[in-house]
């Protein structure tokens, strides 16, 4: 699976539109679409921002405790 397909999965999971994600990364929407569709690769700075967002998302999901779970233990 190439980078663009993996990045599309991130957008779908986080339920973000291209424009929102591009703004979060501080890049033009056209640049993001180049990553998604044209096989272009982000520079190191943008890649670190993407990785940080993914790590934060996973951390939030892993540390999620449903209501009432603590009382059951």
Protein backbone atom coordinates (compact mmCIF):
# COMPACT_ATOMS: atom_id res chain seq x y z
CA UNK A 1 0.00 0.00 0.00
CA UNK A 2 1.44 3.37 -0.98
CA UNK A 3 1.65 6.52 1.13
CA UNK A 4 -1.36 8.17 -0.53
CA UNK A 5 -3.65 5.23 0.24
CA UNK A 6 -2.48 5.14 3.86
CA UNK A 7 -3.05 8.87 4.18
CA UNK A 8 -6.56 8.48 2.77
CA UNK A 9 -7.24 5.91 5.49
CA UNK A 10 -6.13 8.42 8.14
CA UNK A 11 -8.51 11.03 6.73
CA UNK A 12 -11.38 8.55 6.70
CA UNK A 13 -10.74 7.32 10.24
CA UNK A 14 -10.41 10.85 11.60
CA UNK A 15 -13.40 11.96 9.49
CA UNK A 16 -11.55 14.95 8.07
CA UNK A 17 -12.04 16.74 4.79
CA UNK A 18 -9.02 17.49 2.60
CA UNK A 19 -9.20 21.23 3.32
CA UNK A 20 -9.37 20.67 7.10
CA UNK A 21 -6.39 18.32 7.11
CA UNK A 22 -4.35 20.57 4.83
CA UNK A 23 -5.02 23.50 7.17
CA UNK A 24 -3.95 21.41 10.18
CA UNK A 25 -0.70 20.57 8.38
CA UNK A 26 -0.16 24.15 7.18
CA UNK A 27 -0.03 23.17 3.50
CA UNK A 28 -2.17 24.06 0.47
CA UNK A 29 -5.01 21.66 -0.35
CA UNK A 30 -3.42 21.04 -3.75
CA UNK A 31 -0.26 19.78 -2.04
CA UNK A 32 -2.27 17.35 0.10
CA UNK A 33 -4.09 16.12 -2.99
CA UNK A 34 -0.71 15.52 -4.60
CA UNK A 35 0.17 13.23 -1.69
CA UNK A 36 -3.18 11.46 -1.95
CA UNK A 37 -3.44 11.04 -5.71
CA UNK A 38 -0.17 11.71 -7.52
CA UNK A 39 2.35 9.69 -5.54
CA UNK A 40 4.11 12.78 -4.20
CA UNK A 41 5.86 12.47 -0.85
CA UNK A 42 5.77 15.04 1.96
CA UNK A 43 8.91 16.66 3.26
CA UNK A 44 10.19 15.66 6.70
CA UNK A 45 8.42 18.50 8.55
CA UNK A 46 4.99 17.60 7.14
CA UNK A 47 5.61 13.90 7.68
CA UNK A 48 6.36 14.56 11.37
CA UNK A 49 3.09 16.52 11.69
CA UNK A 50 1.14 13.67 10.11
CA UNK A 51 2.82 11.10 12.36
CA UNK A 52 2.10 13.20 15.45
CA UNK A 53 -1.59 13.40 14.54
CA UNK A 54 -1.80 9.65 13.98
CA UNK A 55 0.00 8.90 17.26
CA UNK A 56 -2.29 11.28 19.15
CA UNK A 57 -5.37 9.64 17.60
CA UNK A 58 -4.19 6.12 18.50
CA UNK A 59 -3.27 7.23 22.02
CA UNK A 60 -6.75 8.66 22.53
CA UNK A 61 -8.37 5.44 21.30
CA UNK A 62 -6.17 3.17 23.42
CA UNK A 63 -6.71 5.18 26.58
CA UNK A 64 -10.47 5.43 26.12
CA UNK A 65 -12.39 3.85 29.00
CA UNK A 66 -16.12 3.47 28.41
CA UNK A 67 -18.48 4.87 31.05
CA UNK A 68 -19.17 2.33 33.75
CA UNK A 69 -16.10 0.24 32.98
CA UNK A 70 -14.21 1.37 36.07
CA UNK A 71 -17.11 0.39 38.34
CA UNK A 72 -17.10 -3.17 36.95
CA UNK A 73 -13.55 -3.94 38.00
